[in-house]
Amino acid sequence: MVFWEGYVSDEAMGTFAPIIVYWLYAGFYQLLPPLDNYRLHTRKEEDEKNSVPLASVVKGVLLQQLVQATVAHLLFVLTSKTGSSETVIQPSIAVQIVQIIIGMLVMDTWQYFVHRYMHQNKFLYRHVHSQHHKLVVPYAIGALYNHPLEGLLLDTVGGAISFLVSGMTARTAVIFFCFAVIKTVDDHCGLWLPGNIFHLLFQNNTAYHDIHHQLQGLKYNYSQPFFPIWDKLLGTHMPYKLVRRPQGGFEARLTKD
């Protein structure tokens, strides 16, 4: 049993919960004090290097989420058994965990190769993917700031494929999509906070993805949002070490393998 049972369908939750979770989690980071001692970039760098205002970022994210919600609704309509006489039997917790892990691996695979191709194809990078890299210094609200075509191909289609291949139910998909959103936002938060569970459990984390947003790391660390497996297998892994800056905060400094 889940807390929304009897109030909202699993399909509706799968469509709208990830959007609500995005703004709650990204909003939490946005409302934090400056925390200069934990930033990967100074506030001055953020102001000077980012070439798009916050209002435009918010509009871009909302547009992607509109497309995302539309596709999710259609996906659930096509796969849902809610309207039939057949009762949806939820799998055991163990099966759901396996399905979520499969979904993570499928999403990582899809996003790695699409993401990497968008860097290698000069036309796609210039006209599509470069929009995301206007945020040289990432921050949480900008996690899904993408060109609409990229948002559709990379995130929305990738999520749909992960859902279909893993065989998860709409209820399991709520957990999976919300977790993926939280992880993506955290990877773009620009803060190295003590005790952050994502930094403890995942090598692919805030500092790892921050390297990719920098000029010297632009062709490395394509993996997102969970594991660095494909980067390590295909030679696009850029290792780093975190170094304390004298003026406060951290710097993700590149190192050699």
C-alpha atoms as a PDB file:
ATOM      1  CA  MET A   1       0.000   0.000   0.000  1.00  0.00           C
ATOM      2  CA  VAL A   2       1.163   3.531  -0.781  1.00  0.00           C
ATOM      3  CA  PHE A   3       0.005   6.820   0.730  1.00  0.00           C
ATOM      4  CA  TRP A   4      -1.764   7.961  -2.445  1.00  0.00           C
ATOM      5  CA  GLU A   5      -3.788   4.761  -2.892  1.00  0.00           C
ATOM      6  CA  GLY A   6      -7.492   5.516  -3.034  1.00  0.00           C
ATOM      7  CA  TYR A   7      -6.874   9.187  -3.780  1.00  0.00           C
ATOM      8  CA  VAL A   8      -4.777   9.360  -6.949  1.00  0.00           C
ATOM      9  CA  SER A   9      -4.039   6.669  -9.522  1.00  0.00           C
ATOM     10  CA  ASP A  10      -0.518   5.303  -9.904  1.00  0.00           C
ATOM     11  CA  GLU A  11      -0.523   6.604 -13.461  1.00  0.00           C
ATOM     12  CA  ALA A  12      -1.337  10.156 -12.360  1.00  0.00           C
ATOM     13  CA  MET A  13       1.355   9.989  -9.696  1.00  0.00           C
ATOM     14  CA  GLY A  14       3.853   8.686 -12.243  1.00  0.00           C
ATOM     15  CA  THR A  15       3.027  11.633 -14.482  1.00  0.00           C
ATOM     16  CA  PHE A  16       3.063  14.498 -11.984  1.00  0.00           C
ATOM     17  CA  ALA A  17       5.017  13.385  -8.905  1.00  0.00           C
ATOM     18  CA  PRO A  18       8.457  13.661 -10.612  1.00  0.00           C
ATOM     19  CA  ILE A  19       7.662  17.265 -11.590  1.00  0.00           C
ATOM     20  CA  ILE A  20       6.542  18.171  -8.074  1.00  0.00           C
ATOM     21  CA  VAL A  21       9.587  16.444  -6.568  1.00  0.00           C
ATOM     22  CA  TYR A  22      11.871  18.336  -8.987  1.00  0.00           C
ATOM     23  CA  TRP A  23      10.661  21.733  -7.830  1.00  0.00           C
ATOM     24  CA  LEU A  24      10.606  20.773  -4.161  1.00  0.00           C
ATOM     25  CA  TYR A  25      14.169  19.438  -4.191  1.00  0.00           C
ATOM     26  CA  ALA A  26      15.596  22.083  -6.531  1.00  0.00           C
ATOM     27  CA  GLY A  27      13.708  24.760  -4.589  1.00  0.00           C
ATOM     28  CA  PHE A  28      15.276  23.501  -1.365  1.00  0.00           C
ATOM     29  CA  TYR A  29      18.743  24.054  -2.830  1.00  0.00           C
ATOM     30  CA  GLN A  30      17.727  27.441  -4.239  1.00  0.00           C
ATOM     31  CA  LEU A  31      16.551  28.640  -0.811  1.00  0.00           C
ATOM     32  CA  LEU A  32      19.708  27.598   1.015  1.00  0.00           C
ATOM     33  CA  PRO A  33      22.084  30.363   2.165  1.00  0.00           C
ATOM     34  CA  PRO A  34      25.193  30.898  -0.050  1.00  0.00           C
ATOM     35  CA  LEU A  35      27.240  28.175   1.748  1.00  0.00           C
ATOM     36  CA  ASP A  36      30.466  29.466   0.204  1.00  0.00           C
ATOM     37  CA  ASN A  37      32.538  26.901   2.103  1.00  0.00           C
ATOM     38  CA  TYR A  38      30.835  24.044   0.232  1.00  0.00           C
ATOM     39  CA  ARG A  39      30.511  25.447  -3.299  1.00  0.00           C
ATOM     40  CA  LEU A  40      32.388  23.913  -6.238  1.00  0.00           C
ATOM     41  CA  HIS A  41      32.436  27.364  -7.860  1.00  0.00           C
ATOM     42  CA  THR A  42      32.288  30.828  -6.383  1.00  0.00           C
ATOM     43  CA  ARG A  43      29.193  32.981  -6.785  1.00  0.00           C
ATOM     44  CA  LYS A  44      31.302  35.327  -8.907  1.00  0.00           C
ATOM     45  CA  GLU A  45      32.080  32.461 -11.308  1.00  0.00           C
ATOM     46  CA  GLU A  46      28.392  31.598 -11.519  1.00  0.00           C
ATOM     47  CA  ASP A  47      27.484  35.180 -12.410  1.00  0.00           C
ATOM     48  CA  GLU A  48      30.308  35.585 -14.953  1.00  0.00           C
ATOM     49  CA  LYS A  49      30.302  32.184 -16.687  1.00  0.00           C
ATOM     50  CA  ASN A  50      26.591  31.371 -16.959  1.00  0.00           C
ATOM     51  CA  SER A  51      25.141  33.040 -20.036  1.00  0.00           C
ATOM     52  CA  VAL A  52      21.427  32.551 -19.380  1.00  0.00           C
ATOM     53  CA  PRO A  53      19.277  34.220 -16.670  1.00  0.00           C
ATOM     54  CA  LEU A  54      17.373  32.245 -14.052  1.00  0.00           C
ATOM     55  CA  ALA A  55      13.979  33.240 -15.498  1.00  0.00           C
ATOM     56  CA  SER A  56      14.888  31.697 -18.870  1.00  0.00           C
ATOM     57  CA  VAL A  57      16.107  28.551 -17.128  1.00  0.00           C
ATOM     58  CA  VAL A  58      12.799  28.188 -15.267  1.00  0.00           C
ATOM     59  CA  LYS A  59      10.833  28.626 -18.515  1.00  0.00           C
ATOM     60  CA  GLY A  60      13.011  26.043 -20.282  1.00  0.00           C
ATOM     61  CA  VAL A  61      12.549  23.498 -17.491  1.00  0.00           C
ATOM     62  CA  LEU A  62       8.773  24.007 -17.427  1.00  0.00           C
ATOM     63  CA  LEU A  63       8.598  23.463 -21.190  1.00  0.00           C
ATOM     64  CA  GLN A  64      10.517  20.192 -20.896  1.00  0.00           C
ATOM     65  CA  GLN A  65       8.274  19.061 -18.063  1.00  0.00           C
ATOM     66  CA  LEU A  66       5.178  19.800 -20.141  1.00  0.00           C
ATOM     67  CA  VAL A  67       6.487  17.488 -22.865  1.00  0.00           C
ATOM     68  CA  GLN A  68       7.551  14.961 -20.222  1.00  0.00           C
ATOM     69  CA  ALA A  69       4.089  14.896 -18.628  1.00  0.00           C
ATOM     70  CA  THR A  70       2.391  14.512 -22.021  1.00  0.00           C
ATOM     71  CA  VAL A  71       4.583  11.562 -23.021  1.00  0.00           C
ATOM     72  CA  ALA A  72       4.242   9.949 -19.581  1.00  0.00           C
ATOM     73  CA  HIS A  73       0.445  10.229 -19.761  1.00  0.00           C
ATOM     74  CA  LEU A  74       0.375   8.606 -23.203  1.00  0.00           C
ATOM     75  CA  LEU A  75       2.765   5.886 -22.048  1.00  0.00           C
ATOM     76  CA  PHE A  76       0.618   5.015 -19.051  1.00  0.00           C
ATOM     77  CA  VAL A  77      -2.578   5.091 -21.129  1.00  0.00           C
ATOM     78  CA  LEU A  78      -1.071   2.570 -23.540  1.00  0.00           C
ATOM     79  CA  THR A  79       0.294   0.261 -20.829  1.00  0.00           C
ATOM     80  CA  SER A  80      -2.214   0.699 -17.996  1.00  0.00           C
ATOM     81  CA  LYS A  81      -4.630  -2.024 -16.941  1.00  0.00           C
ATOM     82  CA  THR A  82      -6.532   0.281 -14.576  1.00  0.00           C
ATOM     83  CA  GLY A  83      -9.516   0.597 -16.886  1.00  0.00           C
ATOM     84  CA  SER A  84      -9.840  -3.143 -17.440  1.00  0.00           C
ATOM     85  CA  SER A  85     -11.388  -5.751 -15.200  1.00  0.00           C
ATOM     86  CA  GLU A  86      -7.940  -7.145 -14.480  1.00  0.00           C
ATOM     87  CA  THR A  87      -6.463  -6.097 -11.124  1.00  0.00           C
ATOM     88  CA  VAL A  88      -2.875  -4.910 -11.210  1.00  0.00           C
ATOM     89  CA  ILE A  89      -0.870  -7.180  -8.925  1.00  0.00           C
ATOM     90  CA  GLN A  90       2.150  -5.419  -7.541  1.00  0.00           C
ATOM     91  CA  PRO A  91       5.346  -7.517  -7.524  1.00  0.00           C
ATOM     92  CA  SER A  92       7.290  -8.244  -4.381  1.00  0.00           C
ATOM     93  CA  ILE A  93       9.706  -5.663  -2.968  1.00  0.00           C
ATOM     94  CA  ALA A  94      12.647  -7.774  -4.165  1.00  0.00           C
ATOM     95  CA  VAL A  95      11.309  -7.846  -7.735  1.00  0.00           C
ATOM     96  CA  GLN A  96      10.671  -4.106  -7.660  1.00  0.00           C
ATOM     97  CA  ILE A  97      14.262  -3.469  -6.540  1.00  0.00           C
ATOM     98  CA  VAL A  98      15.571  -5.590  -9.415  1.00  0.00           C
ATOM     99  CA  GLN A  99      13.301  -3.725 -11.853  1.00  0.00           C
ATOM    100  CA  ILE A 100      14.556  -0.371 -10.570  1.00  0.00           C
ATOM    101  CA  ILE A 101      18.190  -1.475 -10.949  1.00  0.00           C
ATOM    102  CA  ILE A 102      17.453  -2.643 -14.507  1.00  0.00           C
ATOM    103  CA  GLY A 103      15.772   0.710 -15.172  1.00  0.00           C
ATOM    104  CA  MET A 104      18.844   2.530 -13.864  1.00  0.00           C
ATOM    105  CA  LEU A 105      21.175   0.563 -16.132  1.00  0.00           C
ATOM    106  CA  VAL A 106      18.937   1.040 -19.171  1.00  0.00           C
ATOM    107  CA  MET A 107      18.615   4.770 -18.523  1.00  0.00           C
ATOM    108  CA  ASP A 108      22.376   5.115 -18.053  1.00  0.00           C
ATOM    109  CA  THR A 109      23.024   3.275 -21.311  1.00  0.00           C
ATOM    110  CA  TRP A 110      20.547   5.332 -23.323  1.00  0.00           C
ATOM    111  CA  GLN A 111      21.682   8.643 -21.891  1.00  0.00           C
ATOM    112  CA  TYR A 112      25.396   7.905 -22.272  1.00  0.00           C
ATOM    113  CA  PHE A 113      25.240   7.175 -25.985  1.00  0.00           C
ATOM    114  CA  VAL A 114      22.718   9.897 -26.872  1.00  0.00           C
ATOM    115  CA  HIS A 115      24.590  12.423 -24.728  1.00  0.00           C
ATOM    116  CA  ARG A 116      27.958  11.496 -26.218  1.00  0.00           C
ATOM    117  CA  TYR A 117      26.597  11.663 -29.771  1.00  0.00           C
ATOM    118  CA  MET A 118      25.243  15.140 -29.106  1.00  0.00           C
ATOM    119  CA  HIS A 119      28.791  16.201 -28.303  1.00  0.00           C
ATOM    120  CA  GLN A 120      30.357  14.440 -31.281  1.00  0.00           C
ATOM    121  CA  ASN A 121      27.834  15.715 -33.846  1.00  0.00           C
ATOM    122  CA  LYS A 122      28.769  19.369 -34.339  1.00  0.00           C
ATOM    123  CA  PHE A 123      25.331  20.329 -35.654  1.00  0.00           C
ATOM    124  CA  LEU A 124      23.498  18.768 -32.687  1.00  0.00           C
ATOM    125  CA  TYR A 125      25.921  20.259 -30.203  1.00  0.00           C
ATOM    126  CA  ARG A 126      25.742  23.754 -31.680  1.00  0.00           C
ATOM    127  CA  HIS A 127      21.982  23.856 -32.171  1.00  0.00           C
ATOM    128  CA  VAL A 128      20.708  21.547 -29.417  1.00  0.00           C
ATOM    129  CA  HIS A 129      22.976  20.370 -26.616  1.00  0.00           C
ATOM    130  CA  SER A 130      24.926  23.629 -26.190  1.00  0.00           C
ATOM    131  CA  GLN A 131      21.821  25.094 -24.506  1.00  0.00           C
ATOM    132  CA  HIS A 132      22.446  22.926 -21.440  1.00  0.00           C
ATOM    133  CA  HIS A 133      26.112  23.958 -21.370  1.00  0.00           C
ATOM    134  CA  LYS A 134      25.217  27.626 -21.150  1.00  0.00           C
ATOM    135  CA  LEU A 135      25.203  26.802 -17.447  1.00  0.00           C
ATOM    136  CA  VAL A 136      28.959  26.368 -17.101  1.00  0.00           C
ATOM    137  CA  VAL A 137      28.453  26.531 -13.358  1.00  0.00           C
ATOM    138  CA  PRO A 138      25.534  24.149 -12.726  1.00  0.00           C
ATOM    139  CA  TYR A 139      22.860  24.763 -10.131  1.00  0.00           C
ATOM    140  CA  ALA A 140      19.896  22.667  -9.023  1.00  0.00           C
ATOM    141  CA  ILE A 141      17.032  24.402 -10.828  1.00  0.00           C
ATOM    142  CA  GLY A 142      18.974  24.162 -14.099  1.00  0.00           C
ATOM    143  CA  ALA A 143      19.297  20.364 -13.968  1.00  0.00           C
ATOM    144  CA  LEU A 144      16.685  19.931 -16.714  1.00  0.00           C
ATOM    145  CA  TYR A 145      17.450  23.108 -18.620  1.00  0.00           C
ATOM    146  CA  ASN A 146      17.752  21.636 -22.113  1.00  0.00           C
ATOM    147  CA  HIS A 147      16.740  22.293 -25.682  1.00  0.00           C
ATOM    148  CA  PRO A 148      13.210  20.800 -26.118  1.00  0.00           C
ATOM    149  CA  LEU A 149      14.527  18.205 -28.590  1.00  0.00           C
ATOM    150  CA  GLU A 150      17.207  17.093 -26.163  1.00  0.00           C
ATOM    151  CA  GLY A 151      14.718  16.948 -23.324  1.00  0.00           C
ATOM    152  CA  LEU A 152      12.530  14.675 -25.443  1.00  0.00           C
ATOM    153  CA  LEU A 153      15.284  12.388 -26.753  1.00  0.00           C
ATOM    154  CA  LEU A 154      17.585  12.198 -23.753  1.00  0.00           C
ATOM    155  CA  ASP A 155      15.349  12.343 -20.703  1.00  0.00           C
ATOM    156  CA  THR A 156      11.762  11.613 -21.737  1.00  0.00           C
ATOM    157  CA  VAL A 157      12.394   8.827 -24.267  1.00  0.00           C
ATOM    158  CA  GLY A 158      15.146   7.437 -22.036  1.00  0.00           C
ATOM    159  CA  GLY A 159      12.722   7.240 -19.129  1.00  0.00           C
ATOM    160  CA  ALA A 160      10.058   5.581 -21.279  1.00  0.00           C
ATOM    161  CA  ILE A 161      12.483   2.933 -22.534  1.00  0.00           C
ATOM    162  CA  SER A 162      13.696   2.248 -18.987  1.00  0.00           C
ATOM    163  CA  PHE A 163      10.090   1.778 -17.856  1.00  0.00           C
ATOM    164  CA  LEU A 164       9.224  -0.584 -20.708  1.00  0.00           C
ATOM    165  CA  VAL A 165      12.401  -2.704 -20.643  1.00  0.00           C
ATOM    166  CA  SER A 166      12.394  -3.159 -16.868  1.00  0.00           C
ATOM    167  CA  GLY A 167       8.743  -4.267 -16.839  1.00  0.00           C
ATOM    168  CA  MET A 168       7.926  -2.181 -13.786  1.00  0.00           C
ATOM    169  CA  THR A 169       4.359  -1.265 -12.909  1.00  0.00           C
ATOM    170  CA  ALA A 170       3.168   2.341 -12.805  1.00  0.00           C
ATOM    171  CA  ARG A 171       3.495   2.258  -9.012  1.00  0.00           C
ATOM    172  CA  THR A 172       7.132   1.193  -9.153  1.00  0.00           C
ATOM    173  CA  ALA A 173       7.693   3.808 -11.864  1.00  0.00           C
ATOM    174  CA  VAL A 174       6.643   6.549  -9.429  1.00  0.00           C
ATOM    175  CA  ILE A 175       9.522   5.588  -7.145  1.00  0.00           C
ATOM    176  CA  PHE A 176      11.978   5.146 -10.011  1.00  0.00           C
ATOM    177  CA  PHE A 177      11.219   8.428 -11.782  1.00  0.00           C
ATOM    178  CA  CYS A 178      11.190  10.447  -8.558  1.00  0.00           C
ATOM    179  CA  PHE A 179      14.531   8.939  -7.534  1.00  0.00           C
ATOM    180  CA  ALA A 180      16.017   9.691 -10.967  1.00  0.00           C
ATOM    181  CA  VAL A 181      14.827  13.299 -10.717  1.00  0.00           C
ATOM    182  CA  ILE A 182      16.293  13.762  -7.238  1.00  0.00           C
ATOM    183  CA  LYS A 183      19.617  12.280  -8.371  1.00  0.00           C
ATOM    184  CA  THR A 184      19.727  14.514 -11.460  1.00  0.00           C
ATOM    185  CA  VAL A 185      18.995  17.645  -9.429  1.00  0.00           C
ATOM    186  CA  ASP A 186      21.635  16.703  -6.874  1.00  0.00           C
ATOM    187  CA  ASP A 187      24.228  16.143  -9.604  1.00  0.00           C
ATOM    188  CA  HIS A 188      23.710  19.745 -10.731  1.00  0.00           C
ATOM    189  CA  CYS A 189      23.451  21.402  -7.298  1.00  0.00           C
ATOM    190  CA  GLY A 190      27.029  22.702  -7.323  1.00  0.00           C
ATOM    191  CA  LEU A 191      27.508  21.979  -3.617  1.00  0.00           C
ATOM    192  CA  TRP A 192      29.704  19.412  -1.889  1.00  0.00           C
ATOM    193  CA  LEU A 193      27.804  19.064   1.363  1.00  0.00           C
ATOM    194  CA  PRO A 194      29.034  16.810   4.191  1.00  0.00           C
ATOM    195  CA  GLY A 195      26.944  13.689   4.647  1.00  0.00           C
ATOM    196  CA  ASN A 196      25.264  13.905   1.228  1.00  0.00           C
ATOM    197  CA  ILE A 197      24.181  10.304   0.660  1.00  0.00           C
ATOM    198  CA  PHE A 198      24.534  10.578  -3.123  1.00  0.00           C
ATOM    199  CA  HIS A 199      28.188  11.554  -2.729  1.00  0.00           C
ATOM    200  CA  LEU A 200      28.740   8.571  -0.443  1.00  0.00           C
ATOM    201  CA  LEU A 201      26.960   5.966  -2.589  1.00  0.00           C
ATOM    202  CA  PHE A 202      27.647   7.124  -6.155  1.00  0.00           C
ATOM    203  CA  GLN A 203      30.916   7.844  -7.949  1.00  0.00           C
ATOM    204  CA  ASN A 204      28.803   9.656 -10.523  1.00  0.00           C
ATOM    205  CA  ASN A 205      27.878  12.639  -8.377  1.00  0.00           C
ATOM    206  CA  THR A 206      27.943  16.440  -8.180  1.00  0.00           C
ATOM    207  CA  ALA A 207      31.711  16.799  -8.626  1.00  0.00           C
ATOM    208  CA  TYR A 208      31.839  14.105 -11.329  1.00  0.00           C
ATOM    209  CA  HIS A 209      29.231  15.873 -13.460  1.00  0.00           C
ATOM    210  CA  ASP A 210      30.700  19.292 -12.705  1.00  0.00           C
ATOM    211  CA  ILE A 211      33.874  18.192 -14.531  1.00  0.00           C
ATOM    212  CA  HIS A 212      31.778  17.612 -17.665  1.00  0.00           C
ATOM    213  CA  HIS A 213      30.424  21.170 -17.546  1.00  0.00           C
ATOM    214  CA  GLN A 214      33.941  22.644 -17.591  1.00  0.00           C
ATOM    215  CA  LEU A 215      35.818  23.363 -20.820  1.00  0.00           C
ATOM    216  CA  GLN A 216      38.604  20.863 -20.106  1.00  0.00           C
ATOM    217  CA  GLY A 217      36.107  18.107 -19.261  1.00  0.00           C
ATOM    218  CA  LEU A 218      33.596  18.723 -22.027  1.00  0.00           C
ATOM    219  CA  LYS A 219      34.394  15.453 -23.839  1.00  0.00           C
ATOM    220  CA  TYR A 220      34.529  13.369 -20.681  1.00  0.00           C
ATOM    221  CA  ASN A 221      32.192  12.127 -17.950  1.00  0.00           C
ATOM    222  CA  TYR A 222      29.164  11.725 -20.221  1.00  0.00           C
ATOM    223  CA  SER A 223      27.587   9.144 -17.911  1.00  0.00           C
ATOM    224  CA  GLN A 224      24.395  10.181 -16.170  1.00  0.00           C
ATOM    225  CA  PRO A 225      22.524   9.978 -13.940  1.00  0.00           C
ATOM    226  CA  PHE A 226      23.611   6.947 -11.906  1.00  0.00           C
ATOM    227  CA  PHE A 227      26.832   5.072 -12.666  1.00  0.00           C
ATOM    228  CA  PRO A 228      30.115   5.875 -14.494  1.00  0.00           C
ATOM    229  CA  ILE A 229      30.231   2.418 -16.094  1.00  0.00           C
ATOM    230  CA  TRP A 230      30.183   3.483 -19.746  1.00  0.00           C
ATOM    231  CA  ASP A 231      32.736   6.242 -19.216  1.00  0.00           C
ATOM    232  CA  LYS A 232      35.141   3.729 -17.703  1.00  0.00           C
ATOM    233  CA  LEU A 233      34.519   1.097 -20.376  1.00  0.00           C
ATOM    234  CA  LEU A 234      34.830   3.460 -23.349  1.00  0.00           C
ATOM    235  CA  GLY A 235      37.669   5.718 -22.244  1.00  0.00           C
ATOM    236  CA  THR A 236      35.728   8.886 -21.482  1.00  0.00           C
ATOM    237  CA  HIS A 237      36.253   8.784 -17.728  1.00  0.00           C
ATOM    238  CA  MET A 238      37.995  11.863 -16.310  1.00  0.00           C
ATOM    239  CA  PRO A 239      39.183  11.294 -12.726  1.00  0.00           C
ATOM    240  CA  TYR A 240      39.461  14.185 -10.293  1.00  0.00           C
ATOM    241  CA  LYS A 241      40.267  15.048  -6.712  1.00  0.00           C
ATOM    242  CA  LEU A 242      38.502  17.580  -4.546  1.00  0.00           C
ATOM    243  CA  VAL A 243      40.784  20.307  -3.250  1.00  0.00           C
ATOM    244  CA  ARG A 244      39.933  23.010  -0.712  1.00  0.00           C
ATOM    245  CA  ARG A 245      40.225  26.521  -2.140  1.00  0.00           C
ATOM    246  CA  PRO A 246      42.052  29.028   0.094  1.00  0.00           C
ATOM    247  CA  GLN A 247      39.129  31.449  -0.171  1.00  0.00           C
ATOM    248  CA  GLY A 248      36.643  28.718   0.782  1.00  0.00           C
ATOM    249  CA  GLY A 249      34.753  25.998  -1.004  1.00  0.00           C
ATOM    250  CA  PHE A 250      36.053  23.153  -3.149  1.00  0.00           C
ATOM    251  CA  GLU A 251      37.550  22.681  -6.589  1.00  0.00           C
ATOM    252  CA  ALA A 252      37.198  19.461  -8.596  1.00  0.00           C
ATOM    253  CA  ARG A 253      40.757  19.241  -9.930  1.00  0.00           C
ATOM    254  CA  LEU A 254      41.498  16.909 -12.822  1.00  0.00           C
ATOM    255  CA  THR A 255      43.996  14.097 -12.293  1.00  0.00           C
ATOM    256  CA  LYS A 256      45.510  11.406 -14.507  1.00  0.00           C
ATOM    257  CA  ASP A 257      44.350   7.755 -14.438  1.00  0.00           C
END
